Amino acid sequence: MIRLSVLYPATDGATFDHDYYRDQHVPLAVRTWSPERTEIDKGVDGPYVAAVHFVFASMYALGAAMGAEGTGEILADVANYTTIAPVLQTSEIV
C-alpha cells in the first residue's frame, strides 16, 4: 500500500479554511482519484495546521490518480482554502 500525505505547515500570517477543506476540497480529490482510504487531520499541536492522507493500492494506482483528468482542477482549488504551500510525502505502508 502507498500513502500520499499532503501536509500544510503552520505559517505566520497564512490562512486555512478547515470547513472548505473537509467539505469541498478533499471530497473533490476522493471523487477524482478514488483512493482506497482517506484520512483528514486538523492540527492541534505541532508543525502542521492540517494534513490529508490518501492510501492507494500501489504506486501504479497513485500514478494513475495523479494523471487523472481532474487533477488540474484539484490543484487549482487549493487557492480556495489556503495560502499555505502544501508539502507532499509519498510513503510505502509497511
PDB file of N, CA and C in Angstrom:
ATOM      1  N   MET A   1       0.846  -1.178   0.000  1.00  0.00           N
ATOM      2  CA  MET A   1       0.000   0.000   0.000  1.00  0.00           C
ATOM      3  C   MET A   1       0.892   1.243   0.000  1.00  0.00           C
ATOM      4  N   ILE A   2       0.412   2.252  -0.697  1.00  0.00           N
ATOM      5  CA  ILE A   2       1.142   3.518  -0.833  1.00  0.00           C
ATOM      6  C   ILE A   2       0.286   4.640  -0.253  1.00  0.00           C
ATOM      7  N   ARG A   3       0.918   5.505   0.532  1.00  0.00           N
ATOM      8  CA  ARG A   3       0.197   6.627   1.131  1.00  0.00           C
ATOM      9  C   ARG A   3       0.774   7.935   0.592  1.00  0.00           C
ATOM     10  N   LEU A   4      -0.102   8.781   0.073  1.00  0.00           N
ATOM     11  CA  LEU A   4       0.257  10.146  -0.293  1.00  0.00           C
ATOM     12  C   LEU A   4      -0.256  11.042   0.813  1.00  0.00           C
ATOM     13  N   SER A   5       0.668  11.707   1.510  1.00  0.00           N
ATOM     14  CA  SER A   5       0.304  12.657   2.562  1.00  0.00           C
ATOM     15  C   SER A   5       0.533  14.067   2.037  1.00  0.00           C
ATOM     16  N   VAL A   6      -0.467  14.915   2.225  1.00  0.00           N
ATOM     17  CA  VAL A   6      -0.364  16.329   1.856  1.00  0.00           C
ATOM     18  C   VAL A   6      -0.449  17.104   3.161  1.00  0.00           C
ATOM     19  N   LEU A   7       0.661  17.777   3.496  1.00  0.00           N
ATOM     20  CA  LEU A   7       0.784  18.445   4.791  1.00  0.00           C
ATOM     21  C   LEU A   7       0.866  19.946   4.590  1.00  0.00           C
ATOM     22  N   TYR A   8       0.230  20.675   5.504  1.00  0.00           N
ATOM     23  CA  TYR A   8       0.191  22.131   5.431  1.00  0.00           C
ATOM     24  C   TYR A   8       0.903  22.710   6.646  1.00  0.00           C
ATOM     25  N   PRO A   9       2.153  23.164   6.475  1.00  0.00           N
ATOM     26  CA  PRO A   9       2.919  23.679   7.605  1.00  0.00           C
ATOM     27  C   PRO A   9       2.315  24.966   8.175  1.00  0.00           C
ATOM     28  N   ALA A  10       2.354  25.073   9.499  1.00  0.00           N
ATOM     29  CA  ALA A  10       1.936  26.307  10.162  1.00  0.00           C
ATOM     30  C   ALA A  10       2.854  27.422   9.668  1.00  0.00           C
ATOM     31  N   THR A  11       2.247  28.485   9.174  1.00  0.00           N
ATOM     32  CA  THR A  11       2.989  29.581   8.563  1.00  0.00           C
ATOM     33  C   THR A  11       2.421  30.893   9.077  1.00  0.00           C
ATOM     34  N   ASP A  12       3.287  31.775   9.583  1.00  0.00           N
ATOM     35  CA  ASP A  12       2.831  33.074  10.094  1.00  0.00           C
ATOM     36  C   ASP A  12       2.038  33.829   9.038  1.00  0.00           C
ATOM     37  N   GLY A  13       0.864  34.307   9.412  1.00  0.00           N
ATOM     38  CA  GLY A  13       0.035  35.117   8.538  1.00  0.00           C
ATOM     39  C   GLY A  13      -0.755  34.335   7.499  1.00  0.00           C
ATOM     40  N   ALA A  14      -0.607  33.019   7.477  1.00  0.00           N
ATOM     41  CA  ALA A  14      -1.307  32.205   6.484  1.00  0.00           C
ATOM     42  C   ALA A  14      -2.749  31.964   6.900  1.00  0.00           C
ATOM     43  N   THR A  15      -3.562  31.632   5.915  1.00  0.00           N
ATOM     44  CA  THR A  15      -4.959  31.294   6.187  1.00  0.00           C
ATOM     45  C   THR A  15      -5.228  29.853   5.764  1.00  0.00           C
ATOM     46  N   PHE A  16      -6.190  29.224   6.450  1.00  0.00           N
ATOM     47  CA  PHE A  16      -6.600  27.859   6.113  1.00  0.00           C
ATOM     48  C   PHE A  16      -8.050  27.686   6.546  1.00  0.00           C
ATOM     49  N   ASP A  17      -8.911  27.375   5.595  1.00  0.00           N
ATOM     50  CA  ASP A  17     -10.339  27.179   5.857  1.00  0.00           C
ATOM     51  C   ASP A  17     -10.596  25.673   6.008  1.00  0.00           C
ATOM     52  N   HIS A  18     -10.623  25.205   7.258  1.00  0.00           N
ATOM     53  CA  HIS A  18     -10.794  23.767   7.527  1.00  0.00           C
ATOM     54  C   HIS A  18     -12.130  23.234   7.032  1.00  0.00           C
ATOM     55  N   ASP A  19     -13.192  24.036   7.138  1.00  0.00           N
ATOM     56  CA  ASP A  19     -14.512  23.577   6.695  1.00  0.00           C
ATOM     57  C   ASP A  19     -14.535  23.347   5.183  1.00  0.00           C
ATOM     58  N   TYR A  20     -14.006  24.289   4.423  1.00  0.00           N
ATOM     59  CA  TYR A  20     -13.956  24.133   2.969  1.00  0.00           C
ATOM     60  C   TYR A  20     -13.104  22.924   2.606  1.00  0.00           C
ATOM     61  N   TYR A  21     -11.969  22.788   3.277  1.00  0.00           N
ATOM     62  CA  TYR A  21     -11.057  21.677   3.008  1.00  0.00           C
ATOM     63  C   TYR A  21     -11.770  20.343   3.214  1.00  0.00           C
ATOM     64  N   ARG A  22     -12.439  20.195   4.351  1.00  0.00           N
ATOM     65  CA  ARG A  22     -13.115  18.946   4.695  1.00  0.00           C
ATOM     66  C   ARG A  22     -14.340  18.684   3.811  1.00  0.00           C
ATOM     67  N   ASP A  23     -15.119  19.744   3.550  1.00  0.00           N
ATOM     68  CA  ASP A  23     -16.412  19.563   2.891  1.00  0.00           C
ATOM     69  C   ASP A  23     -16.371  19.669   1.368  1.00  0.00           C
ATOM     70  N   GLN A  24     -15.364  20.342   0.822  1.00  0.00           N
ATOM     71  CA  GLN A  24     -15.306  20.565  -0.626  1.00  0.00           C
ATOM     72  C   GLN A  24     -14.051  19.982  -1.286  1.00  0.00           C
ATOM     73  N   HIS A  25     -12.881  20.388  -0.779  1.00  0.00           N
ATOM     74  CA  HIS A  25     -11.643  20.029  -1.466  1.00  0.00           C
ATOM     75  C   HIS A  25     -11.323  18.536  -1.392  1.00  0.00           C
ATOM     76  N   VAL A  26     -11.293  17.994  -0.198  1.00  0.00           N
ATOM     77  CA  VAL A  26     -10.944  16.573  -0.078  1.00  0.00           C
ATOM     78  C   VAL A  26     -11.971  15.689  -0.788  1.00  0.00           C
ATOM     79  N   PRO A  27     -13.281  15.950  -0.667  1.00  0.00           N
ATOM     80  CA  PRO A  27     -14.228  15.139  -1.447  1.00  0.00           C
ATOM     81  C   PRO A  27     -13.997  15.222  -2.967  1.00  0.00           C
ATOM     82  N   LEU A  28     -13.586  16.385  -3.465  1.00  0.00           N
ATOM     83  CA  LEU A  28     -13.245  16.518  -4.884  1.00  0.00           C
ATOM     84  C   LEU A  28     -12.089  15.591  -5.235  1.00  0.00           C
ATOM     85  N   ALA A  29     -11.060  15.578  -4.399  1.00  0.00           N
ATOM     86  CA  ALA A  29      -9.908  14.698  -4.641  1.00  0.00           C
ATOM     87  C   ALA A  29     -10.325  13.227  -4.587  1.00  0.00           C
ATOM     88  N   VAL A  30     -11.160  12.871  -3.634  1.00  0.00           N
ATOM     89  CA  VAL A  30     -11.604  11.476  -3.499  1.00  0.00           C
ATOM     90  C   VAL A  30     -12.411  11.059  -4.734  1.00  0.00           C
ATOM     91  N   ARG A  31     -13.315  11.913  -5.195  1.00  0.00           N
ATOM     92  CA  ARG A  31     -14.110  11.595  -6.397  1.00  0.00           C
ATOM     93  C   ARG A  31     -13.218  11.420  -7.619  1.00  0.00           C
ATOM     94  N   THR A  32     -12.185  12.225  -7.716  1.00  0.00           N
ATOM     95  CA  THR A  32     -11.309  12.198  -8.888  1.00  0.00           C
ATOM     96  C   THR A  32     -10.323  11.038  -8.834  1.00  0.00           C
ATOM     97  N   TRP A  33      -9.737  10.789  -7.671  1.00  0.00           N
ATOM     98  CA  TRP A  33      -8.645   9.828  -7.554  1.00  0.00           C
ATOM     99  C   TRP A  33      -9.062   8.435  -7.078  1.00  0.00           C
ATOM    100  N   SER A  34     -10.183   8.305  -6.426  1.00  0.00           N
ATOM    101  CA  SER A  34     -10.674   7.017  -5.911  1.00  0.00           C
ATOM    102  C   SER A  34      -9.637   6.254  -5.075  1.00  0.00           C
ATOM    103  N   PRO A  35      -9.102   6.882  -4.041  1.00  0.00           N
ATOM    104  CA  PRO A  35      -8.159   6.159  -3.185  1.00  0.00           C
ATOM    105  C   PRO A  35      -8.877   5.058  -2.405  1.00  0.00           C
ATOM    106  N   GLU A  36      -8.091   4.116  -1.884  1.00  0.00           N
ATOM    107  CA  GLU A  36      -8.628   3.030  -1.065  1.00  0.00           C
ATOM    108  C   GLU A  36      -9.185   3.573   0.257  1.00  0.00           C
ATOM    109  N   ARG A  37      -8.503   4.574   0.796  1.00  0.00           N
ATOM    110  CA  ARG A  37      -8.871   5.139   2.098  1.00  0.00           C
ATOM    111  C   ARG A  37      -8.344   6.573   2.163  1.00  0.00           C
ATOM    112  N   THR A  38      -9.025   7.406   2.937  1.00  0.00           N
ATOM    113  CA  THR A  38      -8.616   8.800   3.104  1.00  0.00           C
ATOM    114  C   THR A  38      -8.823   9.206   4.552  1.00  0.00           C
ATOM    115  N   GLU A  39      -7.862   9.926   5.119  1.00  0.00           N
ATOM    116  CA  GLU A  39      -7.978  10.470   6.471  1.00  0.00           C
ATOM    117  C   GLU A  39      -7.571  11.928   6.451  1.00  0.00           C
ATOM    118  N   ILE A  40      -8.340  12.757   7.144  1.00  0.00           N
ATOM    119  CA  ILE A  40      -8.048  14.185   7.245  1.00  0.00           C
ATOM    120  C   ILE A  40      -7.625  14.490   8.677  1.00  0.00           C
ATOM    121  N   ASP A  41      -6.547  15.241   8.826  1.00  0.00           N
ATOM    122  CA  ASP A  41      -6.071  15.683  10.136  1.00  0.00           C
ATOM    123  C   ASP A  41      -6.267  17.188  10.264  1.00  0.00           C
ATOM    124  N   LYS A  42      -6.762  17.626  11.416  1.00  0.00           N
ATOM    125  CA  LYS A  42      -6.782  19.049  11.768  1.00  0.00           C
ATOM    126  C   LYS A  42      -5.776  19.204  12.902  1.00  0.00           C
ATOM    127  N   GLY A  43      -4.684  19.901  12.624  1.00  0.00           N
ATOM    128  CA  GLY A  43      -3.617  20.024  13.607  1.00  0.00           C
ATOM    129  C   GLY A  43      -4.062  20.729  14.873  1.00  0.00           C
ATOM    130  N   VAL A  44      -3.683  20.164  16.016  1.00  0.00           N
ATOM    131  CA  VAL A  44      -3.953  20.801  17.299  1.00  0.00           C
ATOM    132  C   VAL A  44      -2.657  21.184  18.005  1.00  0.00           C
ATOM    133  N   ASP A  45      -1.561  20.536  17.649  1.00  0.00           N
ATOM    134  CA  ASP A  45      -0.251  20.839  18.206  1.00  0.00           C
ATOM    135  C   ASP A  45       0.778  20.276  17.231  1.00  0.00           C
ATOM    136  N   GLY A  46       1.827  21.005  16.991  1.00  0.00           N
ATOM    137  CA  GLY A  46       2.853  20.522  16.087  1.00  0.00           C
ATOM    138  C   GLY A  46       3.042  21.455  14.905  1.00  0.00           C
ATOM    139  N   PRO A  47       3.829  21.018  13.932  1.00  0.00           N
ATOM    140  CA  PRO A  47       4.228  21.919  12.851  1.00  0.00           C
ATOM    141  C   PRO A  47       3.226  22.061  11.708  1.00  0.00           C
ATOM    142  N   TYR A  48       2.108  21.312  11.732  1.00  0.00           N
ATOM    143  CA  TYR A  48       1.156  21.356  10.619  1.00  0.00           C
ATOM    144  C   TYR A  48      -0.232  21.780  11.098  1.00  0.00           C
ATOM    145  N   VAL A  49      -0.898  22.643  10.309  1.00  0.00           N
ATOM    146  CA  VAL A  49      -2.261  23.049  10.645  1.00  0.00           C
ATOM    147  C   VAL A  49      -3.269  22.049  10.124  1.00  0.00           C
ATOM    148  N   ALA A  50      -2.877  21.274   9.113  1.00  0.00           N
ATOM    149  CA  ALA A  50      -3.771  20.272   8.535  1.00  0.00           C
ATOM    150  C   ALA A  50      -2.955  19.301   7.696  1.00  0.00           C
ATOM    151  N   ALA A  51      -3.581  18.162   7.422  1.00  0.00           N
ATOM    152  CA  ALA A  51      -2.990  17.164   6.534  1.00  0.00           C
ATOM    153  C   ALA A  51      -4.102  16.265   6.023  1.00  0.00           C
ATOM    154  N   VAL A  52      -3.832  15.632   4.907  1.00  0.00           N
ATOM    155  CA  VAL A  52      -4.720  14.585   4.409  1.00  0.00           C
ATOM    156  C   VAL A  52      -3.832  13.444   3.938  1.00  0.00           C
ATOM    157  N   HIS A  53      -4.325  12.234   4.123  1.00  0.00           N
ATOM    158  CA  HIS A  53      -3.580  11.028   3.759  1.00  0.00           C
ATOM    159  C   HIS A  53      -4.463  10.191   2.842  1.00  0.00           C
ATOM    160  N   PHE A  54      -4.002   9.990   1.614  1.00  0.00           N
ATOM    161  CA  PHE A  54      -4.704   9.168   0.636  1.00  0.00           C
ATOM    162  C   PHE A  54      -3.947   7.856   0.505  1.00  0.00           C
ATOM    163  N   VAL A  55      -4.634   6.736   0.645  1.00  0.00           N
ATOM    164  CA  VAL A  55      -3.998   5.425   0.534  1.00  0.00           C
ATOM    165  C   VAL A  55      -4.402   4.795  -0.793  1.00  0.00           C
ATOM    166  N   PHE A  56      -3.406   4.334  -1.532  1.00  0.00           N
ATOM    167  CA  PHE A  56      -3.599   3.688  -2.825  1.00  0.00           C
ATOM    168  C   PHE A  56      -3.037   2.269  -2.779  1.00  0.00           C
ATOM    169  N   ALA A  57      -3.559   1.408  -3.621  1.00  0.00           N
ATOM    170  CA  ALA A  57      -3.146   0.007  -3.632  1.00  0.00           C
ATOM    171  C   ALA A  57      -1.689  -0.166  -4.072  1.00  0.00           C
ATOM    172  N   SER A  58      -1.192   0.744  -4.909  1.00  0.00           N
ATOM    173  CA  SER A  58       0.153   0.586  -5.473  1.00  0.00           C
ATOM    174  C   SER A  58       0.654   1.925  -5.997  1.00  0.00           C
ATOM    175  N   MET A  59       1.926   1.959  -6.351  1.00  0.00           N
ATOM    176  CA  MET A  59       2.483   3.151  -6.997  1.00  0.00           C
ATOM    177  C   MET A  59       1.806   3.376  -8.345  1.00  0.00           C
ATOM    178  N   TYR A  60       1.459   2.284  -9.009  1.00  0.00           N
ATOM    179  CA  TYR A  60       0.753   2.401 -10.284  1.00  0.00           C
ATOM    180  C   TYR A  60      -0.581   3.122 -10.084  1.00  0.00           C
ATOM    181  N   ALA A  61      -1.334   2.733  -9.050  1.00  0.00           N
ATOM    182  CA  ALA A  61      -2.628   3.373  -8.767  1.00  0.00           C
ATOM    183  C   ALA A  61      -2.439   4.847  -8.419  1.00  0.00           C
ATOM    184  N   LEU A  62      -1.410   5.174  -7.656  1.00  0.00           N
ATOM    185  CA  LEU A  62      -1.118   6.574  -7.337  1.00  0.00           C
ATOM    186  C   LEU A  62      -0.781   7.342  -8.610  1.00  0.00           C
ATOM    187  N   GLY A  63       0.048   6.765  -9.455  1.00  0.00           N
ATOM    188  CA  GLY A  63       0.412   7.418 -10.717  1.00  0.00           C
ATOM    189  C   GLY A  63      -0.795   7.658 -11.607  1.00  0.00           C
ATOM    190  N   ALA A  64      -1.689   6.680 -11.665  1.00  0.00           N
ATOM    191  CA  ALA A  64      -2.906   6.836 -12.462  1.00  0.00           C
ATOM    192  C   ALA A  64      -3.768   7.963 -11.897  1.00  0.00           C
ATOM    193  N   ALA A  65      -3.852   8.052 -10.569  1.00  0.00           N
ATOM    194  CA  ALA A  65      -4.628   9.114  -9.940  1.00  0.00           C
ATOM    195  C   ALA A  65      -4.038  10.483 -10.271  1.00  0.00           C
ATOM    196  N   MET A  66      -2.732  10.610 -10.178  1.00  0.00           N
ATOM    197  CA  MET A  66      -2.091  11.902 -10.447  1.00  0.00           C
ATOM    198  C   MET A  66      -2.256  12.306 -11.910  1.00  0.00           C
ATOM    199  N   GLY A  67      -2.395  11.329 -12.790  1.00  0.00           N
ATOM    200  CA  GLY A  67      -2.581  11.617 -14.206  1.00  0.00           C
ATOM    201  C   GLY A  67      -4.037  11.770 -14.614  1.00  0.00           C
ATOM    202  N   ALA A  68      -4.948  11.666 -13.659  1.00  0.00           N
ATOM    203  CA  ALA A  68      -6.375  11.753 -13.958  1.00  0.00           C
ATOM    204  C   ALA A  68      -6.736  13.130 -14.488  1.00  0.00           C
ATOM    205  N   GLU A  69      -7.753  13.172 -15.311  1.00  0.00           N
ATOM    206  CA  GLU A  69      -8.185  14.411 -15.959  1.00  0.00           C
ATOM    207  C   GLU A  69      -8.505  15.528 -14.965  1.00  0.00           C
ATOM    208  N   GLY A  70      -9.067  15.219 -13.809  1.00  0.00           N
ATOM    209  CA  GLY A  70      -9.470  16.241 -12.855  1.00  0.00           C
ATOM    210  C   GLY A  70      -8.385  16.727 -11.919  1.00  0.00           C
ATOM    211  N   THR A  71      -7.161  16.207 -12.040  1.00  0.00           N
ATOM    212  CA  THR A  71      -6.093  16.606 -11.119  1.00  0.00           C
ATOM    213  C   THR A  71      -5.787  18.099 -11.207  1.00  0.00           C
ATOM    214  N   GLY A  72      -5.843  18.664 -12.376  1.00  0.00           N
ATOM    215  CA  GLY A  72      -5.621  20.107 -12.523  1.00  0.00           C
ATOM    216  C   GLY A  72      -6.644  20.925 -11.757  1.00  0.00           C
ATOM    217  N   GLU A  73      -7.892  20.465 -11.761  1.00  0.00           N
ATOM    218  CA  GLU A  73      -8.950  21.147 -11.013  1.00  0.00           C
ATOM    219  C   GLU A  73      -8.672  21.086  -9.512  1.00  0.00           C
ATOM    220  N   ILE A  74      -8.183  19.947  -9.044  1.00  0.00           N
ATOM    221  CA  ILE A  74      -7.849  19.794  -7.621  1.00  0.00           C
ATOM    222  C   ILE A  74      -6.745  20.775  -7.239  1.00  0.00           C
ATOM    223  N   LEU A  75      -5.708  20.843  -8.043  1.00  0.00           N
ATOM    224  CA  LEU A  75      -4.591  21.745  -7.757  1.00  0.00           C
ATOM    225  C   LEU A  75      -5.036  23.206  -7.787  1.00  0.00           C
ATOM    226  N   ALA A  76      -5.882  23.566  -8.725  1.00  0.00           N
ATOM    227  CA  ALA A  76      -6.369  24.940  -8.823  1.00  0.00           C
ATOM    228  C   ALA A  76      -7.250  25.307  -7.625  1.00  0.00           C
ATOM    229  N   ASP A  77      -7.903  24.315  -7.025  1.00  0.00           N
ATOM    230  CA  ASP A  77      -8.814  24.559  -5.906  1.00  0.00           C
ATOM    231  C   ASP A  77      -8.094  24.929  -4.615  1.00  0.00           C
ATOM    232  N   VAL A  78      -6.804  24.657  -4.512  1.00  0.00           N
ATOM    233  CA  VAL A  78      -6.046  24.941  -3.288  1.00  0.00           C
ATOM    234  C   VAL A  78      -6.204  26.406  -2.880  1.00  0.00           C
ATOM    235  N   ALA A  79      -6.207  27.305  -3.842  1.00  0.00           N
ATOM    236  CA  ALA A  79      -6.317  28.739  -3.542  1.00  0.00           C
ATOM    237  C   ALA A  79      -7.651  29.094  -2.882  1.00  0.00           C
ATOM    238  N   ASN A  80      -8.643  28.208  -2.955  1.00  0.00           N
ATOM    239  CA  ASN A  80      -9.948  28.478  -2.345  1.00  0.00           C
ATOM    240  C   ASN A  80      -9.972  28.254  -0.837  1.00  0.00           C
ATOM    241  N   TYR A  81      -8.944  27.599  -0.269  1.00  0.00           N
ATOM    242  CA  TYR A  81      -8.977  27.337   1.172  1.00  0.00           C
ATOM    243  C   TYR A  81      -7.699  27.673   1.919  1.00  0.00           C
ATOM    244  N   THR A  82      -6.600  27.953   1.225  1.00  0.00           N
ATOM    245  CA  THR A  82      -5.371  28.251   1.973  1.00  0.00           C
ATOM    246  C   THR A  82      -4.389  29.091   1.169  1.00  0.00           C
ATOM    247  N   THR A  83      -3.529  29.773   1.909  1.00  0.00           N
ATOM    248  CA  THR A  83      -2.394  30.475   1.310  1.00  0.00           C
ATOM    249  C   THR A  83      -1.093  29.714   1.581  1.00  0.00           C
ATOM    250  N   ILE A  84      -1.205  28.527   2.178  1.00  0.00           N
ATOM    251  CA  ILE A  84      -0.037  27.714   2.538  1.00  0.00           C
ATOM    252  C   ILE A  84       0.341  26.812   1.368  1.00  0.00           C
ATOM    253  N   ALA A  85       1.621  26.766   1.049  1.00  0.00           N
ATOM    254  CA  ALA A  85       2.118  25.828   0.033  1.00  0.00           C
ATOM    255  C   ALA A  85       2.201  24.438   0.667  1.00  0.00           C
ATOM    256  N   PRO A  86       1.471  23.459   0.137  1.00  0.00           N
ATOM    257  CA  PRO A  86       1.490  22.129   0.751  1.00  0.00           C
ATOM    258  C   PRO A  86       2.812  21.411   0.520  1.00  0.00           C
ATOM    259  N   VAL A  87       3.114  20.502   1.444  1.00  0.00           N
ATOM    260  CA  VAL A  87       4.282  19.632   1.354  1.00  0.00           C
ATOM    261  C   VAL A  87       3.760  18.220   1.120  1.00  0.00           C
ATOM    262  N   LEU A  88       4.281  17.531   0.107  1.00  0.00           N
ATOM    263  CA  LEU A  88       3.816  16.182  -0.207  1.00  0.00           C
ATOM    264  C   LEU A  88       4.838  15.150   0.224  1.00  0.00           C
ATOM    265  N   GLN A  89       4.332  14.032   0.732  1.00  0.00           N
ATOM    266  CA  GLN A  89       5.170  12.904   1.131  1.00  0.00           C
ATOM    267  C   GLN A  89       4.514  11.642   0.612  1.00  0.00           C
ATOM    268  N   THR A  90       5.242  10.863  -0.181  1.00  0.00           N
ATOM    269  CA  THR A  90       4.770   9.556  -0.625  1.00  0.00           C
ATOM    270  C   THR A  90       5.501   8.501   0.173  1.00  0.00           C
ATOM    271  N   SER A  91       4.731   7.560   0.751  1.00  0.00           N
ATOM    272  CA  SER A  91       5.318   6.547   1.627  1.00  0.00           C
ATOM    273  C   SER A  91       4.771   5.170   1.282  1.00  0.00           C
ATOM    274  N   GLU A  92       5.571   4.160   1.542  1.00  0.00           N
ATOM    275  CA  GLU A  92       5.093   2.797   1.485  1.00  0.00           C
ATOM    276  C   GLU A  92       4.657   2.419   2.899  1.00  0.00           C
ATOM    277  N   ILE A  93       3.457   1.902   3.029  1.00  0.00           N
ATOM    278  CA  ILE A  93       2.967   1.457   4.344  1.00  0.00           C
ATOM    279  C   ILE A  93       3.547   0.079   4.598  1.00  0.00           C
ATOM    280  N   VAL A  94       4.303  -0.047   5.667  1.00  0.00           N
ATOM    281  CA  VAL A  94       4.980  -1.329   5.958  1.00  0.00           C
ATOM    282  C   VAL A  94       4.444  -1.958   7.234  1.00  0.00           C
TER     283      VAL A  94
END
